[in-house]
Amino acid sequence: MRKNLLTQHAHQKSHGISLKMCVGALIVSLVFAGCAILKYNTAYQKYNFASLVDTLPISKGGVSITMSNLDLNEYFKPEYSVQYPVLWNRNGESIQKTSTRYSIINLFYQMAAYNVEVVNNTNNVLSLADSRIALIIPDASEPVFALSKPEMKKLIETSQLPCILFETSQARREFPNLDIPLAKKALQEIVFGIVKGKSIVSRTTEVLPGMKVKGYLVFPYDSEKIANGTVSFIDIKSSTDEAGNTTLKTRFDYKVREEQVFIKREYSQEQRKYLPFARISEEEYNAAQQPKNN
């Protein structure tokens, strides 16, 4: 069974978990003994995600588009202290209390996300409203279109964004008496804050003449299912006349393929926190999975 989460308690032996997806979330449970923090072990993970084959900029007409893969640590920052409402039974009476769970919420959980930069060197405003930005997967029956920020906010409002569903399920495992509606509301507020601070490139994007736009390109498709495919910008108005009439529409294609990545994350006792993820070799990862002699 695929596991989507690495939860590491201070008193447990660290172990790797295979994730065949764009990394979901890392939940860190802090364990205290008196006033001292117990020792944490190094966390190891491996996962597959849909990686861009080529990240060189493509220029056609007066438009240039550059795409790149997200940095590994984009999936694991920042950490949030989520206050969950939990029902407790005291002498036969149900009492609601707040329990804290420290979570690194990955906005792009079960999605395919990339960095993108669009440069407009034409003399007119470049509107992507008439174009299509699609993730085309050979085995899929239809293309998957990039999400706009309003569409992402709608998914948050309805608690349908995968990261909210995932984190709610993990919190419920830790707190069986979790008040689900209130828990989702708490998560919605956090995720709204995350989305608010991000630039999302989609069909709602406009680029002024001589300007550029940088942001995230997000597709609502679990990268676990992507062995290969193409991110396509279709019918981009790359050339116009002086009156602003379109004289050339072009297509920009970026190939993606499955890539397996091995990472580790060490805990700093001095800083009392996990350090950024570091990419490692498959050999180092496999060596860490071997039983340790006590």
C-alpha atoms as a PDB file:
ATOM      1  CA  MET A   1       0.000   0.000   0.000  1.00  0.00           C
ATOM      2  CA  ARG A   2       1.324   3.441  -0.911  1.00  0.00           C
ATOM      3  CA  LYS A   3       2.037   5.702   2.039  1.00  0.00           C
ATOM      4  CA  ASN A   4       1.625   9.439   1.595  1.00  0.00           C
ATOM      5  CA  LEU A   5       3.182  10.652   4.802  1.00  0.00           C
ATOM      6  CA  LEU A   6       6.267  10.437   6.947  1.00  0.00           C
ATOM      7  CA  THR A   7       5.431  11.009  10.602  1.00  0.00           C
ATOM      8  CA  GLN A   8       8.462  10.779  12.796  1.00  0.00           C
ATOM      9  CA  HIS A   9       8.225  10.576  16.590  1.00  0.00           C
ATOM     10  CA  ALA A  10      11.329  11.313  18.603  1.00  0.00           C
ATOM     11  CA  HIS A  11      11.385   7.891  20.198  1.00  0.00           C
ATOM     12  CA  GLN A  12      10.836   5.939  16.971  1.00  0.00           C
ATOM     13  CA  LYS A  13      13.377   4.604  14.547  1.00  0.00           C
ATOM     14  CA  SER A  14      13.498   6.678  11.363  1.00  0.00           C
ATOM     15  CA  HIS A  15      12.455   4.906   8.198  1.00  0.00           C
ATOM     16  CA  GLY A  16      11.981   5.732   4.539  1.00  0.00           C
ATOM     17  CA  ILE A  17       8.613   5.799   2.853  1.00  0.00           C
ATOM     18  CA  SER A  18       8.163   5.448  -0.870  1.00  0.00           C
ATOM     19  CA  LEU A  19       5.990   8.182  -2.300  1.00  0.00           C
ATOM     20  CA  LYS A  20       5.007   7.879  -5.918  1.00  0.00           C
ATOM     21  CA  MET A  21       3.805  11.440  -6.185  1.00  0.00           C
ATOM     22  CA  CYS A  22       4.812  15.033  -5.856  1.00  0.00           C
ATOM     23  CA  VAL A  23       5.579  14.902  -2.159  1.00  0.00           C
ATOM     24  CA  GLY A  24       2.479  15.222  -0.044  1.00  0.00           C
ATOM     25  CA  ALA A  25       3.267  16.516   3.427  1.00  0.00           C
ATOM     26  CA  LEU A  26       5.778  15.961   6.212  1.00  0.00           C
ATOM     27  CA  ILE A  27       4.192  16.005   9.637  1.00  0.00           C
ATOM     28  CA  VAL A  28       6.578  16.486  12.513  1.00  0.00           C
ATOM     29  CA  SER A  29       5.390  15.419  15.961  1.00  0.00           C
ATOM     30  CA  LEU A  30       7.383  17.101  18.700  1.00  0.00           C
ATOM     31  CA  VAL A  31       7.910  15.010  21.825  1.00  0.00           C
ATOM     32  CA  PHE A  32       9.013  16.648  25.041  1.00  0.00           C
ATOM     33  CA  ALA A  33      10.518  15.059  28.132  1.00  0.00           C
ATOM     34  CA  GLY A  34      10.262  17.657  30.854  1.00  0.00           C
ATOM     35  CA  CYS A  35      11.867  20.736  29.276  1.00  0.00           C
ATOM     36  CA  ALA A  36      14.242  18.836  26.971  1.00  0.00           C
ATOM     37  CA  ILE A  37      13.530  17.798  23.385  1.00  0.00           C
ATOM     38  CA  LEU A  38      14.370  14.175  22.740  1.00  0.00           C
ATOM     39  CA  LYS A  39      16.670  13.205  19.895  1.00  0.00           C
ATOM     40  CA  TYR A  40      15.309  13.026  16.361  1.00  0.00           C
ATOM     41  CA  ASN A  41      16.655  10.700  13.701  1.00  0.00           C
ATOM     42  CA  THR A  42      17.371  11.580  10.102  1.00  0.00           C
ATOM     43  CA  ALA A  43      14.290  11.247   7.879  1.00  0.00           C
ATOM     44  CA  TYR A  44      14.687   9.502   4.515  1.00  0.00           C
ATOM     45  CA  GLN A  45      12.214   9.459   1.640  1.00  0.00           C
ATOM     46  CA  LYS A  46      11.968   8.533  -2.001  1.00  0.00           C
ATOM     47  CA  TYR A  47       9.291   9.656  -4.403  1.00  0.00           C
ATOM     48  CA  ASN A  48       8.459   9.977  -8.066  1.00  0.00           C
ATOM     49  CA  PHE A  49       7.206  13.099  -9.743  1.00  0.00           C
ATOM     50  CA  ALA A  50       6.636  14.426 -13.253  1.00  0.00           C
ATOM     51  CA  SER A  51       9.852  16.283 -14.048  1.00  0.00           C
ATOM     52  CA  LEU A  52      10.419  18.627 -16.970  1.00  0.00           C
ATOM     53  CA  VAL A  53      12.753  17.115 -19.553  1.00  0.00           C
ATOM     54  CA  ASP A  54      14.033  20.495 -20.762  1.00  0.00           C
ATOM     55  CA  THR A  55      13.924  23.794 -18.871  1.00  0.00           C
ATOM     56  CA  LEU A  56      15.412  26.034 -21.566  1.00  0.00           C
ATOM     57  CA  PRO A  57      13.314  29.078 -22.532  1.00  0.00           C
ATOM     58  CA  ILE A  58      11.275  28.848 -25.732  1.00  0.00           C
ATOM     59  CA  SER A  59      10.755  32.014 -27.772  1.00  0.00           C
ATOM     60  CA  LYS A  60       8.239  32.376 -30.585  1.00  0.00           C
ATOM     61  CA  GLY A  61       7.260  35.666 -32.136  1.00  0.00           C
ATOM     62  CA  GLY A  62       7.349  38.225 -29.350  1.00  0.00           C
ATOM     63  CA  VAL A  63       6.659  35.792 -26.498  1.00  0.00           C
ATOM     64  CA  SER A  64       9.126  33.800 -24.425  1.00  0.00           C
ATOM     65  CA  ILE A  65       8.143  31.126 -21.891  1.00  0.00           C
ATOM     66  CA  THR A  66      10.470  29.429 -19.415  1.00  0.00           C
ATOM     67  CA  MET A  67       9.464  26.544 -17.161  1.00  0.00           C
ATOM     68  CA  SER A  68      11.375  24.826 -14.368  1.00  0.00           C
ATOM     69  CA  ASN A  69      10.780  22.196 -11.708  1.00  0.00           C
ATOM     70  CA  LEU A  70      10.004  23.255  -8.159  1.00  0.00           C
ATOM     71  CA  ASP A  71      12.822  23.056  -5.657  1.00  0.00           C
ATOM     72  CA  LEU A  72      12.418  20.098  -3.306  1.00  0.00           C
ATOM     73  CA  ASN A  73      11.965  22.354  -0.292  1.00  0.00           C
ATOM     74  CA  GLU A  74       9.045  24.139  -1.969  1.00  0.00           C
ATOM     75  CA  TYR A  75       7.002  21.131  -0.890  1.00  0.00           C
ATOM     76  CA  PHE A  76       7.985  21.388   2.761  1.00  0.00           C
ATOM     77  CA  LYS A  77       7.705  24.990   3.852  1.00  0.00           C
ATOM     78  CA  PRO A  78       6.670  26.592   6.014  1.00  0.00           C
ATOM     79  CA  GLU A  79       5.620  24.714   9.138  1.00  0.00           C
ATOM     80  CA  TYR A  80       2.269  25.521  10.705  1.00  0.00           C
ATOM     81  CA  SER A  81       0.972  25.021  14.194  1.00  0.00           C
ATOM     82  CA  VAL A  82      -2.599  23.900  13.566  1.00  0.00           C
ATOM     83  CA  GLN A  83      -5.047  24.196  16.471  1.00  0.00           C
ATOM     84  CA  TYR A  84      -7.488  21.314  16.164  1.00  0.00           C
ATOM     85  CA  PRO A  85     -10.795  21.099  18.061  1.00  0.00           C
ATOM     86  CA  VAL A  86     -10.997  17.694  19.745  1.00  0.00           C
ATOM     87  CA  LEU A  87     -13.840  16.274  21.827  1.00  0.00           C
ATOM     88  CA  TRP A  88     -12.798  14.647  25.103  1.00  0.00           C
ATOM     89  CA  ASN A  89     -14.921  12.633  27.499  1.00  0.00           C
ATOM     90  CA  ARG A  90     -14.702  13.685  31.136  1.00  0.00           C
ATOM     91  CA  ASN A  91     -16.886  11.827  33.587  1.00  0.00           C
ATOM     92  CA  GLY A  92     -19.404  11.057  30.871  1.00  0.00           C
ATOM     93  CA  GLU A  93     -19.479  14.669  29.646  1.00  0.00           C
ATOM     94  CA  SER A  94     -18.224  15.635  26.192  1.00  0.00           C
ATOM     95  CA  ILE A  95     -15.797  18.562  26.387  1.00  0.00           C
ATOM     96  CA  GLN A  96     -14.132  20.282  23.439  1.00  0.00           C
ATOM     97  CA  LYS A  97     -10.457  21.114  23.820  1.00  0.00           C
ATOM     98  CA  THR A  98      -7.778  22.352  21.460  1.00  0.00           C
ATOM     99  CA  SER A  99      -4.942  20.052  20.445  1.00  0.00           C
ATOM    100  CA  THR A 100      -1.895  21.257  18.531  1.00  0.00           C
ATOM    101  CA  ARG A 101      -0.440  19.476  15.529  1.00  0.00           C
ATOM    102  CA  TYR A 102       2.715  20.738  13.824  1.00  0.00           C
ATOM    103  CA  SER A 103       2.335  20.294  10.088  1.00  0.00           C
ATOM    104  CA  ILE A 104       4.201  21.228   6.950  1.00  0.00           C
ATOM    105  CA  ILE A 105       1.289  21.696   4.583  1.00  0.00           C
ATOM    106  CA  ASN A 106       2.123  21.140   0.924  1.00  0.00           C
ATOM    107  CA  LEU A 107      -0.188  23.249  -1.208  1.00  0.00           C
ATOM    108  CA  PHE A 108       0.685  21.135  -4.249  1.00  0.00           C
ATOM    109  CA  TYR A 109      -0.122  17.756  -2.694  1.00  0.00           C
ATOM    110  CA  GLN A 110      -1.431  15.357  -5.376  1.00  0.00           C
ATOM    111  CA  MET A 111      -0.970  18.011  -8.047  1.00  0.00           C
ATOM    112  CA  ALA A 112       1.560  18.677 -10.780  1.00  0.00           C
ATOM    113  CA  ALA A 113       3.172  22.084 -10.221  1.00  0.00           C
ATOM    114  CA  TYR A 114       5.977  23.990 -11.929  1.00  0.00           C
ATOM    115  CA  ASN A 115       7.651  27.379 -11.964  1.00  0.00           C
ATOM    116  CA  VAL A 116       6.843  29.439 -15.062  1.00  0.00           C
ATOM    117  CA  GLU A 117       7.905  32.798 -16.474  1.00  0.00           C
ATOM    118  CA  VAL A 118       6.107  34.457 -19.394  1.00  0.00           C
ATOM    119  CA  VAL A 119       7.788  37.402 -21.151  1.00  0.00           C
ATOM    120  CA  ASN A 120       5.811  39.678 -23.467  1.00  0.00           C
ATOM    121  CA  ASN A 121       7.991  41.457 -26.026  1.00  0.00           C
ATOM    122  CA  THR A 122       5.065  42.478 -28.223  1.00  0.00           C
ATOM    123  CA  ASN A 123       3.608  45.980 -28.344  1.00  0.00           C
ATOM    124  CA  ASN A 124       0.267  44.918 -26.873  1.00  0.00           C
ATOM    125  CA  VAL A 125      -1.094  43.301 -23.739  1.00  0.00           C
ATOM    126  CA  LEU A 126      -0.673  39.539 -23.814  1.00  0.00           C
ATOM    127  CA  SER A 127      -3.841  37.944 -22.490  1.00  0.00           C
ATOM    128  CA  LEU A 128      -3.895  34.207 -21.906  1.00  0.00           C
ATOM    129  CA  ALA A 129      -7.708  34.205 -21.772  1.00  0.00           C
ATOM    130  CA  ASP A 130      -8.031  33.019 -25.372  1.00  0.00           C
ATOM    131  CA  SER A 131      -5.337  30.382 -25.044  1.00  0.00           C
ATOM    132  CA  ARG A 132      -5.279  27.005 -23.325  1.00  0.00           C
ATOM    133  CA  ILE A 133      -2.718  25.817 -20.799  1.00  0.00           C
ATOM    134  CA  ALA A 134      -2.990  22.060 -20.586  1.00  0.00           C
ATOM    135  CA  LEU A 135      -1.256  18.997 -19.230  1.00  0.00           C
ATOM    136  CA  ILE A 136      -1.602  16.352 -21.931  1.00  0.00           C
ATOM    137  CA  ILE A 137      -1.114  12.760 -20.809  1.00  0.00           C
ATOM    138  CA  PRO A 138      -1.047  10.033 -23.473  1.00  0.00           C
ATOM    139  CA  ASP A 139      -3.297   7.591 -21.595  1.00  0.00           C
ATOM    140  CA  ALA A 140      -5.791  10.202 -20.380  1.00  0.00           C
ATOM    141  CA  SER A 141      -9.090  10.683 -22.201  1.00  0.00           C
ATOM    142  CA  GLU A 142      -8.874  14.479 -22.085  1.00  0.00           C
ATOM    143  CA  PRO A 143      -6.354  17.198 -21.197  1.00  0.00           C
ATOM    144  CA  VAL A 144      -6.039  18.666 -17.711  1.00  0.00           C
ATOM    145  CA  PHE A 145      -6.196  22.463 -17.617  1.00  0.00           C
ATOM    146  CA  ALA A 146      -4.173  24.677 -15.297  1.00  0.00           C
ATOM    147  CA  LEU A 147      -5.952  26.035 -12.244  1.00  0.00           C
ATOM    148  CA  SER A 148      -6.455  29.757 -11.719  1.00  0.00           C
ATOM    149  CA  LYS A 149      -6.204  31.351  -8.277  1.00  0.00           C
ATOM    150  CA  PRO A 150     -10.019  31.783  -8.060  1.00  0.00           C
ATOM    151  CA  GLU A 151     -10.443  28.093  -8.892  1.00  0.00           C
ATOM    152  CA  MET A 152      -7.957  27.131  -6.188  1.00  0.00           C
ATOM    153  CA  LYS A 153      -9.788  29.331  -3.680  1.00  0.00           C
ATOM    154  CA  LYS A 154     -13.048  27.612  -4.609  1.00  0.00           C
ATOM    155  CA  LEU A 155     -11.469  24.236  -3.873  1.00  0.00           C
ATOM    156  CA  ILE A 156     -10.332  25.572  -0.509  1.00  0.00           C
ATOM    157  CA  GLU A 157     -13.781  26.926   0.353  1.00  0.00           C
ATOM    158  CA  THR A 158     -15.315  23.521  -0.322  1.00  0.00           C
ATOM    159  CA  SER A 159     -12.432  21.676   1.398  1.00  0.00           C
ATOM    160  CA  GLN A 160     -11.786  19.773  -1.830  1.00  0.00           C
ATOM    161  CA  LEU A 161      -8.173  20.837  -2.257  1.00  0.00           C
ATOM    162  CA  PRO A 162      -6.171  17.597  -1.831  1.00  0.00           C
ATOM    163  CA  CYS A 163      -3.844  19.005   0.833  1.00  0.00           C
ATOM    164  CA  ILE A 164      -6.822  19.855   3.069  1.00  0.00           C
ATOM    165  CA  LEU A 165      -8.374  16.414   2.644  1.00  0.00           C
ATOM    166  CA  PHE A 166      -5.035  14.749   3.335  1.00  0.00           C
ATOM    167  CA  GLU A 167      -4.138  16.781   6.400  1.00  0.00           C
ATOM    168  CA  THR A 168      -7.651  16.320   7.828  1.00  0.00           C
ATOM    169  CA  SER A 169      -7.335  12.546   7.463  1.00  0.00           C
ATOM    170  CA  GLN A 170      -3.939  12.561   9.197  1.00  0.00           C
ATOM    171  CA  ALA A 171      -5.219  14.723  12.042  1.00  0.00           C
ATOM    172  CA  ARG A 172      -8.152  12.364  12.496  1.00  0.00           C
ATOM    173  CA  ARG A 173      -5.760   9.442  12.826  1.00  0.00           C
ATOM    174  CA  GLU A 174      -3.950  11.292  15.597  1.00  0.00           C
ATOM    175  CA  PHE A 175      -7.121  12.645  17.198  1.00  0.00           C
ATOM    176  CA  PRO A 176      -9.957  10.097  16.747  1.00  0.00           C
ATOM    177  CA  ASN A 177     -12.456  12.499  18.349  1.00  0.00           C
ATOM    178  CA  LEU A 178     -11.583  15.340  15.991  1.00  0.00           C
ATOM    179  CA  ASP A 179     -14.372  17.791  15.149  1.00  0.00           C
ATOM    180  CA  ILE A 180     -14.093  17.422  11.349  1.00  0.00           C
ATOM    181  CA  PRO A 181     -16.037  20.549  10.208  1.00  0.00           C
ATOM    182  CA  LEU A 182     -14.133  22.831  12.579  1.00  0.00           C
ATOM    183  CA  ALA A 183     -10.850  21.143  11.689  1.00  0.00           C
ATOM    184  CA  LYS A 184     -11.419  21.809   7.988  1.00  0.00           C
ATOM    185  CA  LYS A 185     -12.268  25.423   8.792  1.00  0.00           C
ATOM    186  CA  ALA A 186      -8.955  25.817  10.636  1.00  0.00           C
ATOM    187  CA  LEU A 187      -7.096  24.352   7.681  1.00  0.00           C
ATOM    188  CA  GLN A 188      -8.987  26.527   5.205  1.00  0.00           C
ATOM    189  CA  GLU A 189      -7.753  29.667   6.943  1.00  0.00           C
ATOM    190  CA  ILE A 190      -4.146  28.489   6.748  1.00  0.00           C
ATOM    191  CA  VAL A 191      -4.326  27.376   3.119  1.00  0.00           C
ATOM    192  CA  PHE A 192      -6.088  30.607   2.090  1.00  0.00           C
ATOM    193  CA  GLY A 193      -3.100  32.458   3.517  1.00  0.00           C
ATOM    194  CA  ILE A 194      -0.685  30.281   1.543  1.00  0.00           C
ATOM    195  CA  VAL A 195      -2.512  30.815  -1.767  1.00  0.00           C
ATOM    196  CA  LYS A 196      -2.922  34.545  -1.169  1.00  0.00           C
ATOM    197  CA  GLY A 197       0.850  35.028  -1.184  1.00  0.00           C
ATOM    198  CA  LYS A 198       1.488  33.077  -4.381  1.00  0.00           C
ATOM    199  CA  SER A 199       1.389  34.128  -8.024  1.00  0.00           C
ATOM    200  CA  ILE A 200      -0.603  31.584 -10.045  1.00  0.00           C
ATOM    201  CA  VAL A 201      -0.247  31.688 -13.837  1.00  0.00           C
ATOM    202  CA  SER A 202      -3.380  30.639 -15.725  1.00  0.00           C
ATOM    203  CA  ARG A 203      -5.879  31.804 -18.358  1.00  0.00           C
ATOM    204  CA  THR A 204      -6.664  34.786 -16.120  1.00  0.00           C
ATOM    205  CA  THR A 205      -3.088  36.081 -16.501  1.00  0.00           C
ATOM    206  CA  GLU A 206      -2.264  39.191 -18.498  1.00  0.00           C
ATOM    207  CA  VAL A 207       1.251  40.435 -19.299  1.00  0.00           C
ATOM    208  CA  LEU A 208       1.860  44.076 -20.205  1.00  0.00           C
ATOM    209  CA  PRO A 209       4.080  44.986 -23.199  1.00  0.00           C
ATOM    210  CA  GLY A 210       7.754  44.665 -22.371  1.00  0.00           C
ATOM    211  CA  MET A 211       6.959  43.008 -19.031  1.00  0.00           C
ATOM    212  CA  LYS A 212       7.072  39.510 -17.584  1.00  0.00           C
ATOM    213  CA  VAL A 213       5.070  37.444 -15.136  1.00  0.00           C
ATOM    214  CA  LYS A 214       6.520  34.756 -12.874  1.00  0.00           C
ATOM    215  CA  GLY A 215       4.556  32.293 -10.807  1.00  0.00           C
ATOM    216  CA  TYR A 216       3.335  28.744 -10.361  1.00  0.00           C
ATOM    217  CA  LEU A 217       1.605  26.617 -12.955  1.00  0.00           C
ATOM    218  CA  VAL A 218      -0.677  24.144 -11.169  1.00  0.00           C
ATOM    219  CA  PHE A 219      -2.541  21.190 -12.641  1.00  0.00           C
ATOM    220  CA  PRO A 220      -5.177  19.275 -10.615  1.00  0.00           C
ATOM    221  CA  TYR A 221      -3.730  15.892 -11.475  1.00  0.00           C
ATOM    222  CA  ASP A 222      -1.888  13.529  -9.146  1.00  0.00           C
ATOM    223  CA  SER A 223       1.672  13.354 -10.414  1.00  0.00           C
ATOM    224  CA  GLU A 224       1.738   9.722  -9.274  1.00  0.00           C
ATOM    225  CA  LYS A 225      -0.145   8.932 -12.456  1.00  0.00           C
ATOM    226  CA  ILE A 226       2.180  10.768 -14.820  1.00  0.00           C
ATOM    227  CA  ALA A 227       4.812   8.570 -16.454  1.00  0.00           C
ATOM    228  CA  ASN A 228       5.217  10.998 -19.333  1.00  0.00           C
ATOM    229  CA  GLY A 229       3.287  13.829 -20.872  1.00  0.00           C
ATOM    230  CA  THR A 230       3.409  17.374 -22.193  1.00  0.00           C
ATOM    231  CA  VAL A 231       2.667  20.778 -20.707  1.00  0.00           C
ATOM    232  CA  SER A 232       1.284  22.843 -23.587  1.00  0.00           C
ATOM    233  CA  PHE A 233       0.499  26.534 -24.025  1.00  0.00           C
ATOM    234  CA  ILE A 234      -1.882  26.484 -26.996  1.00  0.00           C
ATOM    235  CA  ASP A 235      -2.892  29.421 -29.211  1.00  0.00           C
ATOM    236  CA  ILE A 236      -0.635  31.976 -27.556  1.00  0.00           C
ATOM    237  CA  LYS A 237      -0.910  35.328 -29.359  1.00  0.00           C
ATOM    238  CA  SER A 238       2.793  35.742 -29.992  1.00  0.00           C
ATOM    239  CA  SER A 239       2.579  38.447 -32.651  1.00  0.00           C
ATOM    240  CA  THR A 240       0.210  41.366 -33.280  1.00  0.00           C
ATOM    241  CA  ASP A 241      -0.004  44.299 -35.658  1.00  0.00           C
ATOM    242  CA  GLU A 242      -0.012  47.953 -34.615  1.00  0.00           C
ATOM    243  CA  ALA A 243      -3.778  47.867 -34.123  1.00  0.00           C
ATOM    244  CA  GLY A 244      -3.456  44.946 -31.726  1.00  0.00           C
ATOM    245  CA  ASN A 245      -4.856  42.360 -34.101  1.00  0.00           C
ATOM    246  CA  THR A 246      -3.371  38.890 -33.764  1.00  0.00           C
ATOM    247  CA  THR A 247      -1.093  37.990 -36.658  1.00  0.00           C
ATOM    248  CA  LEU A 248       0.425  34.810 -35.216  1.00  0.00           C
ATOM    249  CA  LYS A 249      -0.737  32.191 -32.742  1.00  0.00           C
ATOM    250  CA  THR A 250       1.818  29.678 -31.558  1.00  0.00           C
ATOM    251  CA  ARG A 251       2.134  26.670 -29.326  1.00  0.00           C
ATOM    252  CA  PHE A 252       4.724  26.034 -26.630  1.00  0.00           C
ATOM    253  CA  ASP A 253       5.320  22.402 -25.580  1.00  0.00           C
ATOM    254  CA  TYR A 254       7.334  21.124 -22.626  1.00  0.00           C
ATOM    255  CA  LYS A 255       7.867  17.394 -22.161  1.00  0.00           C
ATOM    256  CA  VAL A 256       7.599  15.814 -18.707  1.00  0.00           C
ATOM    257  CA  ARG A 257       8.581  12.351 -17.547  1.00  0.00           C
ATOM    258  CA  GLU A 258       8.652  10.361 -14.334  1.00  0.00           C
ATOM    259  CA  GLU A 259      11.743  10.857 -12.183  1.00  0.00           C
ATOM    260  CA  GLN A 260      12.614   9.128  -8.926  1.00  0.00           C
ATOM    261  CA  VAL A 261      14.302  11.256  -6.294  1.00  0.00           C
ATOM    262  CA  PHE A 262      15.940  10.240  -3.017  1.00  0.00           C
ATOM    263  CA  ILE A 263      16.191  12.725  -0.178  1.00  0.00           C
ATOM    264  CA  LYS A 264      17.097  13.017   3.467  1.00  0.00           C
ATOM    265  CA  ARG A 265      16.376  15.555   6.158  1.00  0.00           C
ATOM    266  CA  GLU A 266      18.496  15.885   9.250  1.00  0.00           C
ATOM    267  CA  TYR A 267      17.414  17.355  12.572  1.00  0.00           C
ATOM    268  CA  SER A 268      19.538  20.075  14.166  1.00  0.00           C
ATOM    269  CA  GLN A 269      19.666  19.722  17.936  1.00  0.00           C
ATOM    270  CA  GLU A 270      21.174  23.209  18.237  1.00  0.00           C
ATOM    271  CA  GLN A 271      18.440  24.884  16.177  1.00  0.00           C
ATOM    272  CA  ARG A 272      15.778  22.450  17.403  1.00  0.00           C
ATOM    273  CA  LYS A 273      14.356  22.016  13.943  1.00  0.00           C
ATOM    274  CA  TYR A 274      14.731  19.954  10.785  1.00  0.00           C
ATOM    275  CA  LEU A 275      17.189  21.269   8.203  1.00  0.00           C
ATOM    276  CA  PRO A 276      16.206  21.678   4.530  1.00  0.00           C
ATOM    277  CA  PHE A 277      15.913  18.518   2.464  1.00  0.00           C
ATOM    278  CA  ALA A 278      19.025  17.373   0.645  1.00  0.00           C
ATOM    279  CA  ARG A 279      19.073  15.198  -2.440  1.00  0.00           C
ATOM    280  CA  ILE A 280      21.047  11.970  -2.050  1.00  0.00           C
ATOM    281  CA  SER A 281      21.999   8.957  -4.145  1.00  0.00           C
ATOM    282  CA  GLU A 282      19.946   5.784  -4.326  1.00  0.00           C
ATOM    283  CA  GLU A 283      22.865   3.946  -2.717  1.00  0.00           C
ATOM    284  CA  GLU A 284      22.821   6.212   0.348  1.00  0.00           C
ATOM    285  CA  TYR A 285      19.058   5.860   0.628  1.00  0.00           C
ATOM    286  CA  ASN A 286      19.194   2.042   0.406  1.00  0.00           C
ATOM    287  CA  ALA A 287      21.996   1.899   2.985  1.00  0.00           C
ATOM    288  CA  ALA A 288      19.844   3.890   5.419  1.00  0.00           C
ATOM    289  CA  GLN A 289      17.039   1.314   5.095  1.00  0.00           C
ATOM    290  CA  GLN A 290      19.214  -1.532   6.323  1.00  0.00           C
ATOM    291  CA  PRO A 291      18.594  -2.734   9.914  1.00  0.00           C
ATOM    292  CA  LYS A 292      20.926  -1.117  12.408  1.00  0.00           C
ATOM    293  CA  ASN A 293      22.780  -3.248  14.915  1.00  0.00           C
ATOM    294  CA  ASN A 294      21.987  -2.065  18.430  1.00  0.00           C
END
